[in-house]
Amino acid sequence: MRLIGLAVVLALSLLAPLAAKGQIEKIPRIGVLRPSPVRQFEEAFKNGLREQGYVDGQDITIEWRFSEGRDERLAELAAELVRLGPRVIVTSGTPATAAAKQATGTIPIVMVAVGDPVRSGFAASLSRPGANITGLSLYADTQTVGKRLELLKEAVPTASRVAVLWNPTNPFEALTLREMQGPAQALGISLRSFEVEESAGFERVFAAITRERVDALYVSEGHLNFTHRGRISKLAAKARIPAVYGLRQFVEAGGLMAYAASISDMYHHAAIYIAKILKGAKPGDLPIEQPTKLELVINLKTAKALGLTIPPSVLGRADEIIQ
């Protein structure tokens, strides 16, 4: 009997690690596909998940993949995430979402900061996305681009020639450029298009912008520009060109002003979608949300360096002023 008891104990001790391993393997895996690491976005995402009862390394495992602003790598990284078998994939922006959509039609995708999910082909409608994609849209409406131009014109009343820095390989940025035409005409602004498709092109493009003698600059919030936001801000300062940007992080990096939704808030809120999907909700049944608040952020230090006085009418509407 003693030998049988020892055999049972031994068998249980051998099975215990296997059971523990099975427990670990059942922890949901979340894939995240982004252009570059941004600590405030990642912290907002983890905090949101924690509020929903999911702690990285305990209740879930987060797999991060960054393209470093190189959109040509997104397809490879999306396929890599799919091979890991995640329960959900979180994507940032139009190119990353397109890559994830191409990689899987079954794994739920929660997109963050996509400009126009319906016209981009990711959803049948905002209220009923259908398929395997849902999430948060970057724009509350198509007037956001026009509002940025309006604020730029108020800050720089003499601006009549405005350069637009954008990446033609990003469908969302091409859409943005088209949407700018009407508001620009109404404001008496002539737009000058300057394309940049790779990180090596910024100095060349800014040299062309300087030769064009534009009065101001509009910088699209696409991934390539965002990844190199510090570099762009320095080049704009060197050329002494006032600029409006599509995200506050450009202003934090030294840019003049931005009018946009908070991407940190979007990442925080994306956790709610993930929690619902992990509990059995279908992404196609979860409405795509639009931002309810856009922030105006102004860098007065940059304005002073440019010799620019921001009118009180603009400063009074700022949600944050960086001194």
C-alpha atoms as a PDB file:
ATOM      1  CA  MET A   1       0.000   0.000   0.000  1.00  0.00           C
ATOM      2  CA  ARG A   2       2.855   2.353   0.846  1.00  0.00           C
ATOM      3  CA  LEU A   3       4.363   1.763  -2.608  1.00  0.00           C
ATOM      4  CA  ILE A   4       1.026   2.537  -4.281  1.00  0.00           C
ATOM      5  CA  GLY A   5       0.723   5.767  -2.249  1.00  0.00           C
ATOM      6  CA  LEU A   6       4.217   6.840  -3.292  1.00  0.00           C
ATOM      7  CA  ALA A   7       3.390   6.081  -6.923  1.00  0.00           C
ATOM      8  CA  VAL A   8       0.278   8.277  -6.739  1.00  0.00           C
ATOM      9  CA  VAL A   9       2.227  11.139  -5.169  1.00  0.00           C
ATOM     10  CA  LEU A  10       4.922  10.806  -7.829  1.00  0.00           C
ATOM     11  CA  ALA A  11       2.343  10.790 -10.639  1.00  0.00           C
ATOM     12  CA  LEU A  12       0.613  13.877  -9.267  1.00  0.00           C
ATOM     13  CA  SER A  13       3.941  15.703  -8.910  1.00  0.00           C
ATOM     14  CA  LEU A  14       4.711  14.960 -12.562  1.00  0.00           C
ATOM     15  CA  LEU A  15       1.278  16.100 -13.730  1.00  0.00           C
ATOM     16  CA  ALA A  16       1.361  19.362 -11.760  1.00  0.00           C
ATOM     17  CA  PRO A  17       3.896  21.154 -14.017  1.00  0.00           C
ATOM     18  CA  LEU A  18       1.964  19.995 -17.090  1.00  0.00           C
ATOM     19  CA  ALA A  19      -1.273  21.361 -15.634  1.00  0.00           C
ATOM     20  CA  ALA A  20       0.462  24.631 -14.803  1.00  0.00           C
ATOM     21  CA  LYS A  21       1.815  24.807 -18.341  1.00  0.00           C
ATOM     22  CA  GLY A  22      -1.688  24.231 -19.716  1.00  0.00           C
ATOM     23  CA  GLN A  23      -2.949  27.035 -17.481  1.00  0.00           C
ATOM     24  CA  ILE A  24      -0.311  29.430 -18.863  1.00  0.00           C
ATOM     25  CA  GLU A  25      -1.119  28.482 -22.429  1.00  0.00           C
ATOM     26  CA  LYS A  26      -4.771  29.421 -21.850  1.00  0.00           C
ATOM     27  CA  ILE A  27      -3.879  33.028 -21.000  1.00  0.00           C
ATOM     28  CA  PRO A  28      -5.279  35.170 -23.859  1.00  0.00           C
ATOM     29  CA  ARG A  29      -2.662  36.645 -26.149  1.00  0.00           C
ATOM     30  CA  ILE A  30      -3.186  40.203 -27.460  1.00  0.00           C
ATOM     31  CA  GLY A  31      -1.231  41.316 -30.531  1.00  0.00           C
ATOM     32  CA  VAL A  32      -0.475  45.012 -31.058  1.00  0.00           C
ATOM     33  CA  LEU A  33       0.712  46.376 -34.407  1.00  0.00           C
ATOM     34  CA  ARG A  34       2.046  49.943 -34.315  1.00  0.00           C
ATOM     35  CA  PRO A  35       4.427  52.129 -36.322  1.00  0.00           C
ATOM     36  CA  SER A  36       6.707  52.890 -33.365  1.00  0.00           C
ATOM     37  CA  PRO A  37       6.885  52.604 -29.563  1.00  0.00           C
ATOM     38  CA  VAL A  38       5.226  55.476 -27.661  1.00  0.00           C
ATOM     39  CA  ARG A  39       5.341  55.018 -23.905  1.00  0.00           C
ATOM     40  CA  GLN A  40       2.274  57.144 -23.138  1.00  0.00           C
ATOM     41  CA  PHE A  41       0.162  55.103 -25.575  1.00  0.00           C
ATOM     42  CA  GLU A  42       1.397  51.816 -24.164  1.00  0.00           C
ATOM     43  CA  GLU A  43       0.798  52.919 -20.571  1.00  0.00           C
ATOM     44  CA  ALA A  44      -2.701  54.159 -21.422  1.00  0.00           C
ATOM     45  CA  PHE A  45      -3.437  50.803 -23.057  1.00  0.00           C
ATOM     46  CA  LYS A  46      -2.169  48.769 -20.098  1.00  0.00           C
ATOM     47  CA  ASN A  47      -4.021  50.998 -17.613  1.00  0.00           C
ATOM     48  CA  GLY A  48      -7.231  50.526 -19.570  1.00  0.00           C
ATOM     49  CA  LEU A  49      -6.768  46.763 -19.584  1.00  0.00           C
ATOM     50  CA  ARG A  50      -6.017  46.775 -15.862  1.00  0.00           C
ATOM     51  CA  GLU A  51      -9.291  48.617 -15.216  1.00  0.00           C
ATOM     52  CA  GLN A  52     -11.047  45.836 -17.145  1.00  0.00           C
ATOM     53  CA  GLY A  53      -9.368  43.203 -14.982  1.00  0.00           C
ATOM     54  CA  TYR A  54      -6.533  42.180 -17.322  1.00  0.00           C
ATOM     55  CA  VAL A  55      -2.904  42.527 -16.248  1.00  0.00           C
ATOM     56  CA  ASP A  56      -0.125  41.870 -18.751  1.00  0.00           C
ATOM     57  CA  GLY A  57       1.813  38.769 -17.743  1.00  0.00           C
ATOM     58  CA  GLN A  58      -0.957  37.522 -15.437  1.00  0.00           C
ATOM     59  CA  ASP A  59      -4.359  37.511 -17.116  1.00  0.00           C
ATOM     60  CA  ILE A  60      -3.161  38.263 -20.660  1.00  0.00           C
ATOM     61  CA  THR A  61       0.037  38.379 -22.689  1.00  0.00           C
ATOM     62  CA  ILE A  62       0.696  41.368 -24.970  1.00  0.00           C
ATOM     63  CA  GLU A  63       2.809  40.859 -28.093  1.00  0.00           C
ATOM     64  CA  TRP A  64       4.094  44.197 -29.443  1.00  0.00           C
ATOM     65  CA  ARG A  65       5.214  44.649 -33.050  1.00  0.00           C
ATOM     66  CA  PHE A  66       6.575  47.960 -34.418  1.00  0.00           C
ATOM     67  CA  SER A  67       7.240  48.827 -38.058  1.00  0.00           C
ATOM     68  CA  GLU A  68       9.449  51.818 -37.136  1.00  0.00           C
ATOM     69  CA  GLY A  69       7.490  53.941 -39.596  1.00  0.00           C
ATOM     70  CA  ARG A  70       8.208  51.571 -42.508  1.00  0.00           C
ATOM     71  CA  ASP A  71       4.802  50.614 -43.859  1.00  0.00           C
ATOM     72  CA  GLU A  72       6.344  47.975 -46.139  1.00  0.00           C
ATOM     73  CA  ARG A  73       7.053  45.888 -43.004  1.00  0.00           C
ATOM     74  CA  LEU A  74       3.451  45.874 -41.783  1.00  0.00           C
ATOM     75  CA  ALA A  75       2.307  42.861 -43.824  1.00  0.00           C
ATOM     76  CA  GLU A  76       5.174  40.733 -42.492  1.00  0.00           C
ATOM     77  CA  LEU A  77       4.560  41.825 -38.890  1.00  0.00           C
ATOM     78  CA  ALA A  78       0.807  41.254 -39.169  1.00  0.00           C
ATOM     79  CA  ALA A  79       1.396  37.730 -40.494  1.00  0.00           C
ATOM     80  CA  GLU A  80       3.820  37.114 -37.629  1.00  0.00           C
ATOM     81  CA  LEU A  81       1.182  38.123 -35.089  1.00  0.00           C
ATOM     82  CA  VAL A  82      -1.447  35.915 -36.744  1.00  0.00           C
ATOM     83  CA  ARG A  83       0.896  32.914 -36.465  1.00  0.00           C
ATOM     84  CA  LEU A  84       1.027  33.448 -32.693  1.00  0.00           C
ATOM     85  CA  GLY A  85      -2.726  32.823 -32.521  1.00  0.00           C
ATOM     86  CA  PRO A  86      -3.841  35.916 -30.555  1.00  0.00           C
ATOM     87  CA  ARG A  87      -7.424  36.332 -29.374  1.00  0.00           C
ATOM     88  CA  VAL A  88      -7.396  39.959 -30.544  1.00  0.00           C
ATOM     89  CA  ILE A  89      -5.119  42.156 -32.681  1.00  0.00           C
ATOM     90  CA  VAL A  90      -4.930  45.890 -31.967  1.00  0.00           C
ATOM     91  CA  THR A  91      -3.850  48.099 -34.871  1.00  0.00           C
ATOM     92  CA  SER A  92      -2.875  51.751 -35.082  1.00  0.00           C
ATOM     93  CA  GLY A  93      -3.839  53.744 -38.165  1.00  0.00           C
ATOM     94  CA  THR A  94      -4.960  52.870 -41.673  1.00  0.00           C
ATOM     95  CA  PRO A  95      -1.879  51.015 -43.061  1.00  0.00           C
ATOM     96  CA  ALA A  96      -1.554  48.745 -40.004  1.00  0.00           C
ATOM     97  CA  THR A  97      -5.270  47.962 -40.043  1.00  0.00           C
ATOM     98  CA  ALA A  98      -5.136  47.178 -43.758  1.00  0.00           C
ATOM     99  CA  ALA A  99      -2.203  44.812 -43.155  1.00  0.00           C
ATOM    100  CA  ALA A 100      -4.015  43.027 -40.342  1.00  0.00           C
ATOM    101  CA  LYS A 101      -7.185  42.749 -42.423  1.00  0.00           C
ATOM    102  CA  GLN A 102      -5.165  41.156 -45.219  1.00  0.00           C
ATOM    103  CA  ALA A 103      -3.545  38.735 -42.762  1.00  0.00           C
ATOM    104  CA  THR A 104      -6.750  37.457 -41.135  1.00  0.00           C
ATOM    105  CA  GLY A 105     -10.477  37.440 -41.688  1.00  0.00           C
ATOM    106  CA  THR A 106     -11.266  35.596 -38.471  1.00  0.00           C
ATOM    107  CA  ILE A 107      -9.193  37.008 -35.592  1.00  0.00           C
ATOM    108  CA  PRO A 108     -10.935  40.076 -34.098  1.00  0.00           C
ATOM    109  CA  ILE A 109      -9.197  43.368 -34.890  1.00  0.00           C
ATOM    110  CA  VAL A 110      -9.589  46.473 -32.729  1.00  0.00           C
ATOM    111  CA  MET A 111      -8.349  49.479 -34.692  1.00  0.00           C
ATOM    112  CA  VAL A 112      -7.210  52.723 -33.095  1.00  0.00           C
ATOM    113  CA  ALA A 113      -6.939  56.125 -34.825  1.00  0.00           C
ATOM    114  CA  VAL A 114      -8.175  55.133 -38.274  1.00  0.00           C
ATOM    115  CA  GLY A 115      -9.280  58.195 -40.218  1.00  0.00           C
ATOM    116  CA  ASP A 116     -12.324  56.903 -42.085  1.00  0.00           C
ATOM    117  CA  PRO A 117     -13.067  53.217 -41.386  1.00  0.00           C
ATOM    118  CA  VAL A 118     -15.973  53.020 -43.821  1.00  0.00           C
ATOM    119  CA  ARG A 119     -14.317  54.684 -46.826  1.00  0.00           C
ATOM    120  CA  SER A 120     -11.125  52.758 -46.040  1.00  0.00           C
ATOM    121  CA  GLY A 121     -13.073  49.512 -46.468  1.00  0.00           C
ATOM    122  CA  PHE A 122     -12.740  48.275 -42.877  1.00  0.00           C
ATOM    123  CA  ALA A 123     -16.411  48.507 -41.930  1.00  0.00           C
ATOM    124  CA  ALA A 124     -19.821  48.360 -43.572  1.00  0.00           C
ATOM    125  CA  SER A 125     -20.971  51.195 -41.292  1.00  0.00           C
ATOM    126  CA  LEU A 126     -19.976  52.815 -38.007  1.00  0.00           C
ATOM    127  CA  SER A 127     -22.986  51.397 -36.162  1.00  0.00           C
ATOM    128  CA  ARG A 128     -22.678  47.855 -37.570  1.00  0.00           C
ATOM    129  CA  PRO A 129     -19.105  47.256 -38.769  1.00  0.00           C
ATOM    130  CA  GLY A 130     -19.662  43.628 -39.753  1.00  0.00           C
ATOM    131  CA  ALA A 131     -16.786  41.168 -40.352  1.00  0.00           C
ATOM    132  CA  ASN A 132     -13.947  41.036 -37.794  1.00  0.00           C
ATOM    133  CA  ILE A 133     -12.979  44.719 -37.365  1.00  0.00           C
ATOM    134  CA  THR A 134     -14.175  47.405 -34.947  1.00  0.00           C
ATOM    135  CA  GLY A 135     -12.566  50.114 -32.822  1.00  0.00           C
ATOM    136  CA  LEU A 136     -12.079  53.862 -32.718  1.00  0.00           C
ATOM    137  CA  SER A 137     -12.017  56.408 -35.522  1.00  0.00           C
ATOM    138  CA  LEU A 138      -9.568  59.313 -35.475  1.00  0.00           C
ATOM    139  CA  TYR A 139     -12.004  61.943 -36.735  1.00  0.00           C
ATOM    140  CA  ALA A 140     -15.362  62.980 -35.329  1.00  0.00           C
ATOM    141  CA  ASP A 141     -16.295  64.258 -38.790  1.00  0.00           C
ATOM    142  CA  THR A 142     -14.732  65.446 -42.048  1.00  0.00           C
ATOM    143  CA  GLN A 143     -14.568  69.042 -40.783  1.00  0.00           C
ATOM    144  CA  THR A 144     -11.503  68.411 -38.609  1.00  0.00           C
ATOM    145  CA  VAL A 145      -9.052  69.086 -41.433  1.00  0.00           C
ATOM    146  CA  GLY A 146     -10.789  72.360 -42.289  1.00  0.00           C
ATOM    147  CA  LYS A 147     -10.754  73.404 -38.634  1.00  0.00           C
ATOM    148  CA  ARG A 148      -6.985  72.934 -38.504  1.00  0.00           C
ATOM    149  CA  LEU A 149      -6.540  75.171 -41.522  1.00  0.00           C
ATOM    150  CA  GLU A 150      -8.862  77.737 -39.949  1.00  0.00           C
ATOM    151  CA  LEU A 151      -6.825  77.778 -36.732  1.00  0.00           C
ATOM    152  CA  LEU A 152      -3.599  78.065 -38.714  1.00  0.00           C
ATOM    153  CA  LYS A 153      -5.024  81.014 -40.652  1.00  0.00           C
ATOM    154  CA  GLU A 154      -6.074  82.719 -37.413  1.00  0.00           C
ATOM    155  CA  ALA A 155      -2.642  82.170 -35.882  1.00  0.00           C
ATOM    156  CA  VAL A 156      -0.882  83.338 -39.069  1.00  0.00           C
ATOM    157  CA  PRO A 157      -3.314  85.791 -40.752  1.00  0.00           C
ATOM    158  CA  THR A 158      -0.891  86.500 -43.611  1.00  0.00           C
ATOM    159  CA  ALA A 159      -0.736  82.825 -44.620  1.00  0.00           C
ATOM    160  CA  SER A 160      -1.968  82.425 -48.196  1.00  0.00           C
ATOM    161  CA  ARG A 161       0.426  79.705 -49.428  1.00  0.00           C
ATOM    162  CA  VAL A 162       0.441  76.577 -47.265  1.00  0.00           C
ATOM    163  CA  ALA A 163       2.627  73.515 -47.866  1.00  0.00           C
ATOM    164  CA  VAL A 164       1.146  70.093 -47.084  1.00  0.00           C
ATOM    165  CA  LEU A 165       3.589  67.400 -45.968  1.00  0.00           C
ATOM    166  CA  TRP A 166       2.085  63.963 -46.580  1.00  0.00           C
ATOM    167  CA  ASN A 167       2.818  60.381 -47.581  1.00  0.00           C
ATOM    168  CA  PRO A 168       1.079  59.304 -50.828  1.00  0.00           C
ATOM    169  CA  THR A 169       1.401  55.603 -49.948  1.00  0.00           C
ATOM    170  CA  ASN A 170      -1.065  56.079 -47.061  1.00  0.00           C
ATOM    171  CA  PRO A 171      -4.659  56.050 -48.418  1.00  0.00           C
ATOM    172  CA  PHE A 172      -5.910  58.063 -45.440  1.00  0.00           C
ATOM    173  CA  GLU A 173      -3.454  60.886 -46.109  1.00  0.00           C
ATOM    174  CA  ALA A 174      -4.514  61.018 -49.756  1.00  0.00           C
ATOM    175  CA  LEU A 175      -8.119  61.313 -48.575  1.00  0.00           C
ATOM    176  CA  THR A 176      -7.123  64.097 -46.180  1.00  0.00           C
ATOM    177  CA  LEU A 177      -5.474  66.070 -48.952  1.00  0.00           C
ATOM    178  CA  ARG A 178      -8.657  65.899 -51.020  1.00  0.00           C
ATOM    179  CA  GLU A 179     -10.771  67.030 -48.073  1.00  0.00           C
ATOM    180  CA  MET A 180      -8.531  70.058 -47.541  1.00  0.00           C
ATOM    181  CA  GLN A 181      -9.250  71.602 -50.932  1.00  0.00           C
ATOM    182  CA  GLY A 182     -12.684  73.054 -50.147  1.00  0.00           C
ATOM    183  CA  PRO A 183     -11.822  74.592 -46.751  1.00  0.00           C
ATOM    184  CA  ALA A 184      -8.546  75.965 -48.154  1.00  0.00           C
ATOM    185  CA  GLN A 185     -10.342  77.710 -50.993  1.00  0.00           C
ATOM    186  CA  ALA A 186     -12.896  79.184 -48.580  1.00  0.00           C
ATOM    187  CA  LEU A 187     -10.055  80.591 -46.446  1.00  0.00           C
ATOM    188  CA  GLY A 188      -8.201  82.019 -49.444  1.00  0.00           C
ATOM    189  CA  ILE A 189      -5.370  79.528 -49.033  1.00  0.00           C
ATOM    190  CA  SER A 190      -3.412  78.008 -51.909  1.00  0.00           C
ATOM    191  CA  LEU A 191      -2.149  74.530 -51.045  1.00  0.00           C
ATOM    192  CA  ARG A 192       1.241  73.203 -52.177  1.00  0.00           C
ATOM    193  CA  SER A 193       1.663  69.432 -52.045  1.00  0.00           C
ATOM    194  CA  PHE A 194       4.969  67.963 -50.840  1.00  0.00           C
ATOM    195  CA  GLU A 195       5.229  64.183 -50.768  1.00  0.00           C
ATOM    196  CA  VAL A 196       7.543  62.135 -48.591  1.00  0.00           C
ATOM    197  CA  GLU A 197       7.568  58.323 -48.724  1.00  0.00           C
ATOM    198  CA  GLU A 198      10.687  57.405 -46.751  1.00  0.00           C
ATOM    199  CA  SER A 199      12.665  58.692 -43.797  1.00  0.00           C
ATOM    200  CA  ALA A 200      15.588  59.764 -45.995  1.00  0.00           C
ATOM    201  CA  GLY A 201      13.394  62.261 -47.829  1.00  0.00           C
ATOM    202  CA  PHE A 202      12.642  64.873 -45.169  1.00  0.00           C
ATOM    203  CA  GLU A 203      15.661  67.132 -45.644  1.00  0.00           C
ATOM    204  CA  ARG A 204      15.144  67.125 -49.411  1.00  0.00           C
ATOM    205  CA  VAL A 205      11.441  67.937 -49.065  1.00  0.00           C
ATOM    206  CA  PHE A 206      12.063  70.767 -46.601  1.00  0.00           C
ATOM    207  CA  ALA A 207      14.644  72.241 -48.949  1.00  0.00           C
ATOM    208  CA  ALA A 208      11.927  72.279 -51.640  1.00  0.00           C
ATOM    209  CA  ILE A 209       9.422  73.789 -49.204  1.00  0.00           C
ATOM    210  CA  THR A 210      11.879  76.549 -48.358  1.00  0.00           C
ATOM    211  CA  ARG A 211      12.464  77.332 -52.043  1.00  0.00           C
ATOM    212  CA  GLU A 212       8.706  77.533 -52.568  1.00  0.00           C
ATOM    213  CA  ARG A 213       8.545  80.388 -50.008  1.00  0.00           C
ATOM    214  CA  VAL A 214       5.351  79.174 -48.377  1.00  0.00           C
ATOM    215  CA  ASP A 215       3.792  81.045 -45.459  1.00  0.00           C
ATOM    216  CA  ALA A 216       2.896  78.036 -43.325  1.00  0.00           C
ATOM    217  CA  LEU A 217       2.870  74.256 -43.209  1.00  0.00           C
ATOM    218  CA  TYR A 218       0.262  71.539 -42.619  1.00  0.00           C
ATOM    219  CA  VAL A 219       1.775  68.240 -41.445  1.00  0.00           C
ATOM    220  CA  SER A 220      -0.346  65.106 -41.840  1.00  0.00           C
ATOM    221  CA  GLU A 221      -0.532  62.752 -38.860  1.00  0.00           C
ATOM    222  CA  GLY A 222       0.443  59.678 -40.894  1.00  0.00           C
ATOM    223  CA  HIS A 223       2.812  57.106 -39.420  1.00  0.00           C
ATOM    224  CA  LEU A 224       5.921  58.208 -41.274  1.00  0.00           C
ATOM    225  CA  ASN A 225       5.508  61.815 -40.160  1.00  0.00           C
ATOM    226  CA  PHE A 226       4.575  60.734 -36.644  1.00  0.00           C
ATOM    227  CA  THR A 227       7.625  58.505 -36.278  1.00  0.00           C
ATOM    228  CA  HIS A 228       9.847  61.432 -37.309  1.00  0.00           C
ATOM    229  CA  ARG A 229       7.896  64.169 -35.511  1.00  0.00           C
ATOM    230  CA  GLY A 230      10.929  65.520 -33.644  1.00  0.00           C
ATOM    231  CA  ARG A 231      12.915  65.741 -36.857  1.00  0.00           C
ATOM    232  CA  ILE A 232      10.061  67.472 -38.692  1.00  0.00           C
ATOM    233  CA  SER A 233       9.614  70.018 -35.891  1.00  0.00           C
ATOM    234  CA  LYS A 234      13.324  70.859 -36.000  1.00  0.00           C
ATOM    235  CA  LEU A 235      13.296  71.238 -39.777  1.00  0.00           C
ATOM    236  CA  ALA A 236      10.233  73.495 -39.588  1.00  0.00           C
ATOM    237  CA  ALA A 237      11.932  75.602 -36.914  1.00  0.00           C
ATOM    238  CA  LYS A 238      15.122  75.833 -38.966  1.00  0.00           C
ATOM    239  CA  ALA A 239      13.116  76.987 -42.001  1.00  0.00           C
ATOM    240  CA  ARG A 240      11.147  79.352 -39.709  1.00  0.00           C
ATOM    241  CA  ILE A 241       7.821  78.025 -40.982  1.00  0.00           C
ATOM    242  CA  PRO A 242       4.797  77.995 -38.615  1.00  0.00           C
ATOM    243  CA  ALA A 243       3.016  74.672 -38.804  1.00  0.00           C
ATOM    244  CA  VAL A 244      -0.156  72.948 -37.697  1.00  0.00           C
ATOM    245  CA  TYR A 245      -0.050  69.231 -36.918  1.00  0.00           C
ATOM    246  CA  GLY A 246      -2.511  66.369 -36.681  1.00  0.00           C
ATOM    247  CA  LEU A 247      -1.532  65.115 -33.190  1.00  0.00           C
ATOM    248  CA  ARG A 248      -0.433  66.738 -29.942  1.00  0.00           C
ATOM    249  CA  GLN A 249       2.757  64.649 -29.815  1.00  0.00           C
ATOM    250  CA  PHE A 250       4.154  66.803 -32.649  1.00  0.00           C
ATOM    251  CA  VAL A 251       3.716  69.886 -30.432  1.00  0.00           C
ATOM    252  CA  GLU A 252       5.306  68.128 -27.480  1.00  0.00           C
ATOM    253  CA  ALA A 253       8.259  67.469 -29.807  1.00  0.00           C
ATOM    254  CA  GLY A 254       8.578  71.198 -30.601  1.00  0.00           C
ATOM    255  CA  GLY A 255       5.855  71.819 -33.194  1.00  0.00           C
ATOM    256  CA  LEU A 256       3.770  75.001 -33.075  1.00  0.00           C
ATOM    257  CA  MET A 257       0.163  73.833 -32.754  1.00  0.00           C
ATOM    258  CA  ALA A 258      -2.123  70.818 -33.121  1.00  0.00           C
ATOM    259  CA  TYR A 259      -5.842  70.201 -33.154  1.00  0.00           C
ATOM    260  CA  ALA A 260      -6.733  66.557 -32.683  1.00  0.00           C
ATOM    261  CA  ALA A 261      -8.301  63.809 -30.639  1.00  0.00           C
ATOM    262  CA  SER A 262      -6.248  62.174 -27.891  1.00  0.00           C
ATOM    263  CA  ILE A 263      -4.640  58.937 -29.071  1.00  0.00           C
ATOM    264  CA  SER A 264      -3.827  58.046 -25.450  1.00  0.00           C
ATOM    265  CA  ASP A 265      -7.541  58.192 -24.633  1.00  0.00           C
ATOM    266  CA  MET A 266      -8.247  55.952 -27.617  1.00  0.00           C
ATOM    267  CA  TYR A 267      -5.778  53.319 -26.439  1.00  0.00           C
ATOM    268  CA  HIS A 268      -7.261  53.485 -22.953  1.00  0.00           C
ATOM    269  CA  HIS A 269     -10.741  53.001 -24.405  1.00  0.00           C
ATOM    270  CA  ALA A 270      -9.625  50.187 -26.740  1.00  0.00           C
ATOM    271  CA  ALA A 271      -9.329  48.029 -23.630  1.00  0.00           C
ATOM    272  CA  ILE A 272     -13.128  48.063 -23.292  1.00  0.00           C
ATOM    273  CA  TYR A 273     -13.461  46.558 -26.769  1.00  0.00           C
ATOM    274  CA  ILE A 274     -10.893  43.888 -25.915  1.00  0.00           C
ATOM    275  CA  ALA A 275     -12.685  42.970 -22.692  1.00  0.00           C
ATOM    276  CA  LYS A 276     -15.995  42.609 -24.522  1.00  0.00           C
ATOM    277  CA  ILE A 277     -14.424  40.448 -27.241  1.00  0.00           C
ATOM    278  CA  LEU A 278     -12.645  38.225 -24.694  1.00  0.00           C
ATOM    279  CA  LYS A 279     -16.040  37.712 -23.044  1.00  0.00           C
ATOM    280  CA  GLY A 280     -17.581  36.557 -26.313  1.00  0.00           C
ATOM    281  CA  ALA A 281     -18.759  39.676 -28.169  1.00  0.00           C
ATOM    282  CA  LYS A 282     -18.356  39.712 -31.955  1.00  0.00           C
ATOM    283  CA  PRO A 283     -16.354  42.678 -33.291  1.00  0.00           C
ATOM    284  CA  GLY A 284     -18.782  43.142 -36.175  1.00  0.00           C
ATOM    285  CA  ASP A 285     -21.554  43.848 -33.659  1.00  0.00           C
ATOM    286  CA  LEU A 286     -19.594  46.486 -31.704  1.00  0.00           C
ATOM    287  CA  PRO A 287     -20.152  50.048 -33.052  1.00  0.00           C
ATOM    288  CA  ILE A 288     -17.092  52.047 -34.088  1.00  0.00           C
ATOM    289  CA  GLU A 289     -16.692  55.055 -31.822  1.00  0.00           C
ATOM    290  CA  GLN A 290     -15.696  58.560 -32.869  1.00  0.00           C
ATOM    291  CA  PRO A 291     -13.928  61.079 -30.627  1.00  0.00           C
ATOM    292  CA  THR A 292     -16.229  63.367 -28.663  1.00  0.00           C
ATOM    293  CA  LYS A 293     -13.492  65.899 -27.871  1.00  0.00           C
ATOM    294  CA  LEU A 294     -10.640  67.384 -29.877  1.00  0.00           C
ATOM    295  CA  GLU A 295      -7.797  69.262 -28.191  1.00  0.00           C
ATOM    296  CA  LEU A 296      -6.061  72.434 -29.291  1.00  0.00           C
ATOM    297  CA  VAL A 297      -2.461  72.420 -28.042  1.00  0.00           C
ATOM    298  CA  ILE A 298      -0.127  75.367 -28.634  1.00  0.00           C
ATOM    299  CA  ASN A 299       3.619  75.634 -28.008  1.00  0.00           C
ATOM    300  CA  LEU A 300       4.330  79.279 -27.066  1.00  0.00           C
ATOM    301  CA  LYS A 301       8.061  78.599 -26.846  1.00  0.00           C
ATOM    302  CA  THR A 302       8.036  77.649 -30.527  1.00  0.00           C
ATOM    303  CA  ALA A 303       5.858  80.652 -31.396  1.00  0.00           C
ATOM    304  CA  LYS A 304       8.354  82.964 -29.698  1.00  0.00           C
ATOM    305  CA  ALA A 305      11.278  81.365 -31.558  1.00  0.00           C
ATOM    306  CA  LEU A 306       9.404  82.000 -34.831  1.00  0.00           C
ATOM    307  CA  GLY A 307       8.715  85.603 -33.863  1.00  0.00           C
ATOM    308  CA  LEU A 308       5.003  84.824 -34.010  1.00  0.00           C
ATOM    309  CA  THR A 309       2.370  86.301 -31.701  1.00  0.00           C
ATOM    310  CA  ILE A 310      -0.587  83.976 -31.306  1.00  0.00           C
ATOM    311  CA  PRO A 311      -3.810  86.051 -31.163  1.00  0.00           C
ATOM    312  CA  PRO A 312      -5.786  85.963 -27.883  1.00  0.00           C
ATOM    313  CA  SER A 313      -8.774  84.561 -29.825  1.00  0.00           C
ATOM    314  CA  VAL A 314      -6.739  81.434 -30.542  1.00  0.00           C
ATOM    315  CA  LEU A 315      -5.005  81.190 -27.164  1.00  0.00           C
ATOM    316  CA  GLY A 316      -8.359  81.475 -25.420  1.00  0.00           C
ATOM    317  CA  ARG A 317      -9.537  78.286 -27.127  1.00  0.00           C
ATOM    318  CA  ALA A 318      -6.429  76.264 -26.314  1.00  0.00           C
ATOM    319  CA  ASP A 319      -6.884  73.194 -24.118  1.00  0.00           C
ATOM    320  CA  GLU A 320      -3.196  73.252 -23.275  1.00  0.00           C
ATOM    321  CA  ILE A 321      -0.423  75.795 -23.711  1.00  0.00           C
ATOM    322  CA  ILE A 322       3.194  74.648 -23.578  1.00  0.00           C
ATOM    323  CA  GLN A 323       5.372  77.485 -22.245  1.00  0.00           C
END
